[in-house]
Amino acid sequence: MLIKKFNQATVVLADSNEEFKSYLGECLSKDFDVKSFGNGSEALECIKEKYPDLVICDLMLHGMYGYELSSRLKTSGETSVIPIILTVHV
C-alpha cells in the first residue's frame, strides 16, 4: 500500500493507451500523487475540482482530444498556469 507523502505534487495522466498509462503511472507514483484517466472529459472534470501540478496527456484521447483539453485549460484564467506535456504514440 502506497502512502501519500505530505504535500506530494499531483500529476494528472490522461492517455487512452492502457499499457503506456499504466507504465508511466507506475514510474511517476513513486514521487507523485498520480490521477490516471483514459478519457479527456473525465480528466478535465478532475482538473477543475483539484488543480494538479502537472498534466500529461495524449493527443488522441477518447471523449476529448489532447489539443482540446490543453486549449480549455490554457484559455481558462484559473487553470492557465498548469504545465501541460502532450504525448504522441508512434
PDB file of N, CA and C in Angstrom:
ATOM      1  N   MET A   1       0.837  -1.186   0.000  1.00  0.00           N
ATOM      2  CA  MET A   1       0.000   0.000   0.000  1.00  0.00           C
ATOM      3  C   MET A   1       0.875   1.239   0.000  1.00  0.00           C
ATOM      4  N   LEU A   2       0.603   2.144  -0.940  1.00  0.00           N
ATOM      5  CA  LEU A   2       1.361   3.382  -1.019  1.00  0.00           C
ATOM      6  C   LEU A   2       0.743   4.424  -0.100  1.00  0.00           C
ATOM      7  N   ILE A   3       1.586   5.130   0.614  1.00  0.00           N
ATOM      8  CA  ILE A   3       1.134   6.198   1.495  1.00  0.00           C
ATOM      9  C   ILE A   3       1.532   7.512   0.853  1.00  0.00           C
ATOM     10  N   LYS A   4       0.562   8.392   0.695  1.00  0.00           N
ATOM     11  CA  LYS A   4       0.827   9.688   0.089  1.00  0.00           C
ATOM     12  C   LYS A   4       1.681  10.527   1.025  1.00  0.00           C
ATOM     13  N   LYS A   5       2.767  11.067   0.464  1.00  0.00           N
ATOM     14  CA  LYS A   5       3.633  11.945   1.233  1.00  0.00           C
ATOM     15  C   LYS A   5       2.959  13.293   1.409  1.00  0.00           C
ATOM     16  N   PHE A   6       3.236  13.953   2.525  1.00  0.00           N
ATOM     17  CA  PHE A   6       2.680  15.265   2.799  1.00  0.00           C
ATOM     18  C   PHE A   6       3.115  16.238   1.711  1.00  0.00           C
ATOM     19  N   ASN A   7       2.175  16.992   1.166  1.00  0.00           N
ATOM     20  CA  ASN A   7       2.431  17.982   0.120  1.00  0.00           C
ATOM     21  C   ASN A   7       3.036  17.380  -1.147  1.00  0.00           C
ATOM     22  N   GLN A   8       2.713  16.143  -1.439  1.00  0.00           N
ATOM     23  CA  GLN A   8       3.198  15.498  -2.655  1.00  0.00           C
ATOM     24  C   GLN A   8       2.504  16.128  -3.863  1.00  0.00           C
ATOM     25  N   ALA A   9       3.278  16.450  -4.891  1.00  0.00           N
ATOM     26  CA  ALA A   9       2.733  17.062  -6.100  1.00  0.00           C
ATOM     27  C   ALA A   9       1.789  16.086  -6.808  1.00  0.00           C
ATOM     28  N   THR A  10       0.744  16.635  -7.415  1.00  0.00           N
ATOM     29  CA  THR A  10      -0.247  15.829  -8.122  1.00  0.00           C
ATOM     30  C   THR A  10      -0.044  15.950  -9.627  1.00  0.00           C
ATOM     31  N   VAL A  11      -0.056  14.799 -10.304  1.00  0.00           N
ATOM     32  CA  VAL A  11       0.050  14.739 -11.757  1.00  0.00           C
ATOM     33  C   VAL A  11      -1.203  14.069 -12.301  1.00  0.00           C
ATOM     34  N   VAL A  12      -1.850  14.726 -13.257  1.00  0.00           N
ATOM     35  CA  VAL A  12      -2.974  14.106 -13.960  1.00  0.00           C
ATOM     36  C   VAL A  12      -2.412  13.507 -15.238  1.00  0.00           C
ATOM     37  N   LEU A  13      -2.637  12.215 -15.407  1.00  0.00           N
ATOM     38  CA  LEU A  13      -2.164  11.478 -16.565  1.00  0.00           C
ATOM     39  C   LEU A  13      -3.377  11.034 -17.374  1.00  0.00           C
ATOM     40  N   ALA A  14      -3.514  11.566 -18.582  1.00  0.00           N
ATOM     41  CA  ALA A  14      -4.659  11.235 -19.433  1.00  0.00           C
ATOM     42  C   ALA A  14      -4.144  10.601 -20.720  1.00  0.00           C
ATOM     43  N   ASP A  15      -4.395   9.312 -20.858  1.00  0.00           N
ATOM     44  CA  ASP A  15      -3.900   8.583 -22.024  1.00  0.00           C
ATOM     45  C   ASP A  15      -4.823   7.414 -22.311  1.00  0.00           C
ATOM     46  N   SER A  16      -5.199   7.236 -23.571  1.00  0.00           N
ATOM     47  CA  SER A  16      -6.095   6.145 -23.930  1.00  0.00           C
ATOM     48  C   SER A  16      -5.358   4.821 -24.128  1.00  0.00           C
ATOM     49  N   ASN A  17      -4.042   4.860 -24.189  1.00  0.00           N
ATOM     50  CA  ASN A  17      -3.237   3.648 -24.311  1.00  0.00           C
ATOM     51  C   ASN A  17      -3.005   3.088 -22.912  1.00  0.00           C
ATOM     52  N   GLU A  18      -3.736   2.053 -22.558  1.00  0.00           N
ATOM     53  CA  GLU A  18      -3.697   1.496 -21.197  1.00  0.00           C
ATOM     54  C   GLU A  18      -2.301   1.050 -20.784  1.00  0.00           C
ATOM     55  N   GLU A  19      -1.574   0.449 -21.712  1.00  0.00           N
ATOM     56  CA  GLU A  19      -0.237  -0.061 -21.402  1.00  0.00           C
ATOM     57  C   GLU A  19       0.715   1.079 -21.055  1.00  0.00           C
ATOM     58  N   PHE A  20       0.709   2.130 -21.878  1.00  0.00           N
ATOM     59  CA  PHE A  20       1.570   3.285 -21.634  1.00  0.00           C
ATOM     60  C   PHE A  20       1.160   4.006 -20.359  1.00  0.00           C
ATOM     61  N   LYS A  21      -0.146   4.183 -20.188  1.00  0.00           N
ATOM     62  CA  LYS A  21      -0.657   4.869 -19.000  1.00  0.00           C
ATOM     63  C   LYS A  21      -0.264   4.129 -17.725  1.00  0.00           C
ATOM     64  N   SER A  22      -0.369   2.831 -17.748  1.00  0.00           N
ATOM     65  CA  SER A  22      -0.006   2.015 -16.589  1.00  0.00           C
ATOM     66  C   SER A  22       1.485   2.119 -16.293  1.00  0.00           C
ATOM     67  N   TYR A  23       2.303   2.024 -17.340  1.00  0.00           N
ATOM     68  CA  TYR A  23       3.761   2.107 -17.169  1.00  0.00           C
ATOM     69  C   TYR A  23       4.172   3.469 -16.613  1.00  0.00           C
ATOM     70  N   LEU A  24       3.712   4.530 -17.251  1.00  0.00           N
ATOM     71  CA  LEU A  24       4.086   5.876 -16.814  1.00  0.00           C
ATOM     72  C   LEU A  24       3.533   6.171 -15.423  1.00  0.00           C
ATOM     73  N   GLY A  25       2.313   5.752 -15.162  1.00  0.00           N
ATOM     74  CA  GLY A  25       1.718   5.947 -13.844  1.00  0.00           C
ATOM     75  C   GLY A  25       2.513   5.261 -12.753  1.00  0.00           C
ATOM     76  N   GLU A  26       2.980   4.047 -13.038  1.00  0.00           N
ATOM     77  CA  GLU A  26       3.784   3.303 -12.063  1.00  0.00           C
ATOM     78  C   GLU A  26       5.114   4.012 -11.796  1.00  0.00           C
ATOM     79  N   CYS A  27       5.744   4.500 -12.855  1.00  0.00           N
ATOM     80  CA  CYS A  27       7.017   5.222 -12.699  1.00  0.00           C
ATOM     81  C   CYS A  27       6.840   6.504 -11.887  1.00  0.00           C
ATOM     82  N   LEU A  28       5.798   7.250 -12.190  1.00  0.00           N
ATOM     83  CA  LEU A  28       5.576   8.537 -11.531  1.00  0.00           C
ATOM     84  C   LEU A  28       5.062   8.408 -10.098  1.00  0.00           C
ATOM     85  N   SER A  29       4.350   7.325  -9.809  1.00  0.00           N
ATOM     86  CA  SER A  29       3.705   7.190  -8.500  1.00  0.00           C
ATOM     87  C   SER A  29       4.704   7.060  -7.358  1.00  0.00           C
ATOM     88  N   LYS A  30       5.945   6.815  -7.670  1.00  0.00           N
ATOM     89  CA  LYS A  30       6.970   6.743  -6.623  1.00  0.00           C
ATOM     90  C   LYS A  30       7.221   8.112  -6.009  1.00  0.00           C
ATOM     91  N   ASP A  31       7.034   9.155  -6.806  1.00  0.00           N
ATOM     92  CA  ASP A  31       7.333  10.513  -6.345  1.00  0.00           C
ATOM     93  C   ASP A  31       6.153  11.476  -6.394  1.00  0.00           C
ATOM     94  N   PHE A  32       5.055  11.071  -7.047  1.00  0.00           N
ATOM     95  CA  PHE A  32       3.920  11.967  -7.231  1.00  0.00           C
ATOM     96  C   PHE A  32       2.609  11.263  -6.921  1.00  0.00           C
ATOM     97  N   ASP A  33       1.601  12.050  -6.608  1.00  0.00           N
ATOM     98  CA  ASP A  33       0.239  11.543  -6.497  1.00  0.00           C
ATOM     99  C   ASP A  33      -0.331  11.575  -7.905  1.00  0.00           C
ATOM    100  N   VAL A  34      -0.518  10.403  -8.524  1.00  0.00           N
ATOM    101  CA  VAL A  34      -0.929  10.315  -9.923  1.00  0.00           C
ATOM    102  C   VAL A  34      -2.416   9.985 -10.025  1.00  0.00           C
ATOM    103  N   LYS A  35      -3.125  10.789 -10.806  1.00  0.00           N
ATOM    104  CA  LYS A  35      -4.529  10.549 -11.121  1.00  0.00           C
ATOM    105  C   LYS A  35      -4.588  10.182 -12.595  1.00  0.00           C
ATOM    106  N   SER A  36      -5.005   8.952 -12.925  1.00  0.00           N
ATOM    107  CA  SER A  36      -4.991   8.465 -14.300  1.00  0.00           C
ATOM    108  C   SER A  36      -6.385   8.407 -14.905  1.00  0.00           C
ATOM    109  N   PHE A  37      -6.460   8.788 -16.189  1.00  0.00           N
ATOM    110  CA  PHE A  37      -7.717   8.781 -16.921  1.00  0.00           C
ATOM    111  C   PHE A  37      -7.477   8.336 -18.352  1.00  0.00           C
ATOM    112  N   GLY A  38      -8.429   7.629 -18.926  1.00  0.00           N
ATOM    113  CA  GLY A  38      -8.360   7.229 -20.317  1.00  0.00           C
ATOM    114  C   GLY A  38      -9.250   8.088 -21.184  1.00  0.00           C
ATOM    115  N   ASN A  39      -9.892   9.074 -20.563  1.00  0.00           N
ATOM    116  CA  ASN A  39     -10.881   9.901 -21.234  1.00  0.00           C
ATOM    117  C   ASN A  39     -10.600  11.368 -20.915  1.00  0.00           C
ATOM    118  N   GLY A  40     -10.527  12.202 -21.931  1.00  0.00           N
ATOM    119  CA  GLY A  40     -10.223  13.617 -21.735  1.00  0.00           C
ATOM    120  C   GLY A  40     -11.265  14.369 -20.928  1.00  0.00           C
ATOM    121  N   SER A  41     -12.538  14.011 -21.099  1.00  0.00           N
ATOM    122  CA  SER A  41     -13.609  14.683 -20.362  1.00  0.00           C
ATOM    123  C   SER A  41     -13.506  14.407 -18.861  1.00  0.00           C
ATOM    124  N   GLU A  42     -13.215  13.165 -18.514  1.00  0.00           N
ATOM    125  CA  GLU A  42     -13.059  12.809 -17.097  1.00  0.00           C
ATOM    126  C   GLU A  42     -11.837  13.504 -16.499  1.00  0.00           C
ATOM    127  N   ALA A  43     -10.762  13.581 -17.269  1.00  0.00           N
ATOM    128  CA  ALA A  43      -9.558  14.264 -16.793  1.00  0.00           C
ATOM    129  C   ALA A  43      -9.852  15.736 -16.527  1.00  0.00           C
ATOM    130  N   LEU A  44     -10.598  16.370 -17.427  1.00  0.00           N
ATOM    131  CA  LEU A  44     -10.935  17.788 -17.271  1.00  0.00           C
ATOM    132  C   LEU A  44     -11.756  18.014 -16.002  1.00  0.00           C
ATOM    133  N   GLU A  45     -12.714  17.144 -15.729  1.00  0.00           N
ATOM    134  CA  GLU A  45     -13.519  17.262 -14.509  1.00  0.00           C
ATOM    135  C   GLU A  45     -12.635  17.207 -13.265  1.00  0.00           C
ATOM    136  N   CYS A  46     -11.704  16.254 -13.245  1.00  0.00           N
ATOM    137  CA  CYS A  46     -10.797  16.106 -12.106  1.00  0.00           C
ATOM    138  C   CYS A  46      -9.911  17.341 -11.952  1.00  0.00           C
ATOM    139  N   ILE A  47      -9.397  17.843 -13.072  1.00  0.00           N
ATOM    140  CA  ILE A  47      -8.509  19.005 -13.043  1.00  0.00           C
ATOM    141  C   ILE A  47      -9.232  20.224 -12.483  1.00  0.00           C
ATOM    142  N   LYS A  48     -10.491  20.405 -12.851  1.00  0.00           N
ATOM    143  CA  LYS A  48     -11.252  21.561 -12.376  1.00  0.00           C
ATOM    144  C   LYS A  48     -11.610  21.450 -10.888  1.00  0.00           C
ATOM    145  N   GLU A  49     -11.704  20.218 -10.371  1.00  0.00           N
ATOM    146  CA  GLU A  49     -12.016  20.023  -8.956  1.00  0.00           C
ATOM    147  C   GLU A  49     -10.811  20.310  -8.063  1.00  0.00           C
ATOM    148  N   LYS A  50      -9.675  19.808  -8.458  1.00  0.00           N
ATOM    149  CA  LYS A  50      -8.441  19.998  -7.677  1.00  0.00           C
ATOM    150  C   LYS A  50      -7.300  20.207  -8.662  1.00  0.00           C
ATOM    151  N   TYR A  51      -6.838  21.427  -8.769  1.00  0.00           N
ATOM    152  CA  TYR A  51      -5.826  21.765  -9.759  1.00  0.00           C
ATOM    153  C   TYR A  51      -4.536  20.983  -9.502  1.00  0.00           C
ATOM    154  N   PRO A  52      -4.086  20.210 -10.495  1.00  0.00           N
ATOM    155  CA  PRO A  52      -2.854  19.442 -10.332  1.00  0.00           C
ATOM    156  C   PRO A  52      -1.622  20.321 -10.578  1.00  0.00           C
ATOM    157  N   ASP A  53      -0.469  19.777 -10.276  1.00  0.00           N
ATOM    158  CA  ASP A  53       0.783  20.492 -10.509  1.00  0.00           C
ATOM    159  C   ASP A  53       1.277  20.302 -11.942  1.00  0.00           C
ATOM    160  N   LEU A  54       0.791  19.248 -12.600  1.00  0.00           N
ATOM    161  CA  LEU A  54       1.204  18.936 -13.969  1.00  0.00           C
ATOM    162  C   LEU A  54       0.137  18.077 -14.630  1.00  0.00           C
ATOM    163  N   VAL A  55      -0.064  18.280 -15.933  1.00  0.00           N
ATOM    164  CA  VAL A  55      -0.956  17.434 -16.733  1.00  0.00           C
ATOM    165  C   VAL A  55      -0.126  16.828 -17.856  1.00  0.00           C
ATOM    166  N   ILE A  56      -0.200  15.514 -17.987  1.00  0.00           N
ATOM    167  CA  ILE A  56       0.428  14.803 -19.098  1.00  0.00           C
ATOM    168  C   ILE A  56      -0.708  14.155 -19.872  1.00  0.00           C
ATOM    169  N   CYS A  57      -0.858  14.525 -21.147  1.00  0.00           N
ATOM    170  CA  CYS A  57      -1.973  13.938 -21.887  1.00  0.00           C
ATOM    171  C   CYS A  57      -1.584  13.587 -23.318  1.00  0.00           C
ATOM    172  N   ASP A  58      -2.217  12.535 -23.790  1.00  0.00           N
ATOM    173  CA  ASP A  58      -2.048  12.044 -25.147  1.00  0.00           C
ATOM    174  C   ASP A  58      -2.874  12.910 -26.095  1.00  0.00           C
ATOM    175  N   LEU A  59      -2.373  13.111 -27.280  1.00  0.00           N
ATOM    176  CA  LEU A  59      -3.123  13.892 -28.266  1.00  0.00           C
ATOM    177  C   LEU A  59      -4.392  13.182 -28.714  1.00  0.00           C
ATOM    178  N   MET A  60      -4.394  11.854 -28.707  1.00  0.00           N
ATOM    179  CA  MET A  60      -5.526  11.078 -29.214  1.00  0.00           C
ATOM    180  C   MET A  60      -6.331  10.450 -28.076  1.00  0.00           C
ATOM    181  N   LEU A  61      -6.897  11.269 -27.226  1.00  0.00           N
ATOM    182  CA  LEU A  61      -7.709  10.787 -26.114  1.00  0.00           C
ATOM    183  C   LEU A  61      -9.113  10.427 -26.570  1.00  0.00           C
ATOM    184  N   HIS A  62      -9.776   9.592 -25.802  1.00  0.00           N
ATOM    185  CA  HIS A  62     -11.191   9.303 -26.029  1.00  0.00           C
ATOM    186  C   HIS A  62     -12.006  10.414 -25.364  1.00  0.00           C
ATOM    187  N   GLY A  63     -13.120  10.766 -25.945  1.00  0.00           N
ATOM    188  CA  GLY A  63     -14.020  11.745 -25.335  1.00  0.00           C
ATOM    189  C   GLY A  63     -13.637  13.186 -25.590  1.00  0.00           C
ATOM    190  N   MET A  64     -12.346  13.452 -25.720  1.00  0.00           N
ATOM    191  CA  MET A  64     -11.864  14.803 -25.989  1.00  0.00           C
ATOM    192  C   MET A  64     -10.389  14.675 -26.358  1.00  0.00           C
ATOM    193  N   TYR A  65     -10.003  15.201 -27.505  1.00  0.00           N
ATOM    194  CA  TYR A  65      -8.607  15.128 -27.919  1.00  0.00           C
ATOM    195  C   TYR A  65      -7.720  15.955 -26.992  1.00  0.00           C
ATOM    196  N   GLY A  66      -6.456  15.595 -26.933  1.00  0.00           N
ATOM    197  CA  GLY A  66      -5.500  16.298 -26.082  1.00  0.00           C
ATOM    198  C   GLY A  66      -5.377  17.766 -26.409  1.00  0.00           C
ATOM    199  N   TYR A  67      -5.466  18.115 -27.713  1.00  0.00           N
ATOM    200  CA  TYR A  67      -5.414  19.530 -28.091  1.00  0.00           C
ATOM    201  C   TYR A  67      -6.572  20.307 -27.479  1.00  0.00           C
ATOM    202  N   GLU A  68      -7.752  19.706 -27.498  1.00  0.00           N
ATOM    203  CA  GLU A  68      -8.926  20.381 -26.939  1.00  0.00           C
ATOM    204  C   GLU A  68      -8.790  20.527 -25.422  1.00  0.00           C
ATOM    205  N   LEU A  69      -8.340  19.475 -24.759  1.00  0.00           N
ATOM    206  CA  LEU A  69      -8.132  19.536 -23.309  1.00  0.00           C
ATOM    207  C   LEU A  69      -7.122  20.626 -22.976  1.00  0.00           C
ATOM    208  N   SER A  70      -6.020  20.637 -23.695  1.00  0.00           N
ATOM    209  CA  SER A  70      -4.981  21.645 -23.476  1.00  0.00           C
ATOM    210  C   SER A  70      -5.516  23.051 -23.720  1.00  0.00           C
ATOM    211  N   SER A  71      -6.264  23.221 -24.796  1.00  0.00           N
ATOM    212  CA  SER A  71      -6.828  24.525 -25.129  1.00  0.00           C
ATOM    213  C   SER A  71      -7.779  25.020 -24.042  1.00  0.00           C
ATOM    214  N   ARG A  72      -8.633  24.131 -23.552  1.00  0.00           N
ATOM    215  CA  ARG A  72      -9.577  24.527 -22.490  1.00  0.00           C
ATOM    216  C   ARG A  72      -8.844  24.943 -21.223  1.00  0.00           C
ATOM    217  N   LEU A  73      -7.782  24.219 -20.903  1.00  0.00           N
ATOM    218  CA  LEU A  73      -7.026  24.563 -19.697  1.00  0.00           C
ATOM    219  C   LEU A  73      -6.287  25.887 -19.857  1.00  0.00           C
ATOM    220  N   LYS A  74      -5.699  26.112 -21.017  1.00  0.00           N
ATOM    221  CA  LYS A  74      -4.890  27.308 -21.234  1.00  0.00           C
ATOM    222  C   LYS A  74      -5.731  28.565 -21.449  1.00  0.00           C
ATOM    223  N   THR A  75      -6.988  28.423 -21.835  1.00  0.00           N
ATOM    224  CA  THR A  75      -7.833  29.608 -22.042  1.00  0.00           C
ATOM    225  C   THR A  75      -8.636  29.976 -20.800  1.00  0.00           C
ATOM    226  N   SER A  76      -8.552  29.165 -19.760  1.00  0.00           N
ATOM    227  CA  SER A  76      -9.226  29.480 -18.504  1.00  0.00           C
ATOM    228  C   SER A  76      -8.225  30.165 -17.579  1.00  0.00           C
ATOM    229  N   GLY A  77      -8.620  31.286 -17.026  1.00  0.00           N
ATOM    230  CA  GLY A  77      -7.736  32.013 -16.125  1.00  0.00           C
ATOM    231  C   GLY A  77      -7.294  31.192 -14.922  1.00  0.00           C
ATOM    232  N   GLU A  78      -8.160  30.305 -14.449  1.00  0.00           N
ATOM    233  CA  GLU A  78      -7.849  29.513 -13.260  1.00  0.00           C
ATOM    234  C   GLU A  78      -6.860  28.392 -13.529  1.00  0.00           C
ATOM    235  N   THR A  79      -6.905  27.811 -14.714  1.00  0.00           N
ATOM    236  CA  THR A  79      -6.052  26.650 -14.996  1.00  0.00           C
ATOM    237  C   THR A  79      -4.928  26.944 -15.984  1.00  0.00           C
ATOM    238  N   SER A  80      -4.825  28.181 -16.440  1.00  0.00           N
ATOM    239  CA  SER A  80      -3.836  28.511 -17.477  1.00  0.00           C
ATOM    240  C   SER A  80      -2.387  28.356 -17.020  1.00  0.00           C
ATOM    241  N   VAL A  81      -2.149  28.354 -15.723  1.00  0.00           N
ATOM    242  CA  VAL A  81      -0.772  28.242 -15.221  1.00  0.00           C
ATOM    243  C   VAL A  81      -0.317  26.791 -15.034  1.00  0.00           C
ATOM    244  N   ILE A  82      -1.213  25.841 -15.218  1.00  0.00           N
ATOM    245  CA  ILE A  82      -0.849  24.430 -15.046  1.00  0.00           C
ATOM    246  C   ILE A  82      -0.011  23.990 -16.245  1.00  0.00           C
ATOM    247  N   PRO A  83       1.212  23.483 -15.993  1.00  0.00           N
ATOM    248  CA  PRO A  83       2.028  22.991 -17.112  1.00  0.00           C
ATOM    249  C   PRO A  83       1.407  21.747 -17.726  1.00  0.00           C
ATOM    250  N   ILE A  84       1.527  21.634 -19.062  1.00  0.00           N
ATOM    251  CA  ILE A  84       0.956  20.502 -19.795  1.00  0.00           C
ATOM    252  C   ILE A  84       2.033  19.900 -20.690  1.00  0.00           C
ATOM    253  N   ILE A  85       2.141  18.578 -20.657  1.00  0.00           N
ATOM    254  CA  ILE A  85       3.006  17.855 -21.578  1.00  0.00           C
ATOM    255  C   ILE A  85       2.096  17.020 -22.469  1.00  0.00           C
ATOM    256  N   LEU A  86       2.164  17.254 -23.781  1.00  0.00           N
ATOM    257  CA  LEU A  86       1.380  16.485 -24.738  1.00  0.00           C
ATOM    258  C   LEU A  86       2.242  15.345 -25.274  1.00  0.00           C
ATOM    259  N   THR A  87       1.676  14.149 -25.325  1.00  0.00           N
ATOM    260  CA  THR A  87       2.413  12.992 -25.817  1.00  0.00           C
ATOM    261  C   THR A  87       1.800  12.466 -27.106  1.00  0.00           C
ATOM    262  N   VAL A  88       2.617  11.806 -27.904  1.00  0.00           N
ATOM    263  CA  VAL A  88       2.178  11.194 -29.143  1.00  0.00           C
ATOM    264  C   VAL A  88       2.765   9.792 -29.190  1.00  0.00           C
ATOM    265  N   HIS A  89       1.939   8.816 -29.507  1.00  0.00           N
ATOM    266  CA  HIS A  89       2.407   7.439 -29.639  1.00  0.00           C
ATOM    267  C   HIS A  89       2.632   7.146 -31.109  1.00  0.00           C
ATOM    268  N   VAL A  90       3.794   6.634 -31.422  1.00  0.00           N
ATOM    269  CA  VAL A  90       4.101   6.287 -32.818  1.00  0.00           C
ATOM    270  C   VAL A  90       4.237   4.802 -32.978  1.00  0.00           C
TER     271      VAL A  90
END
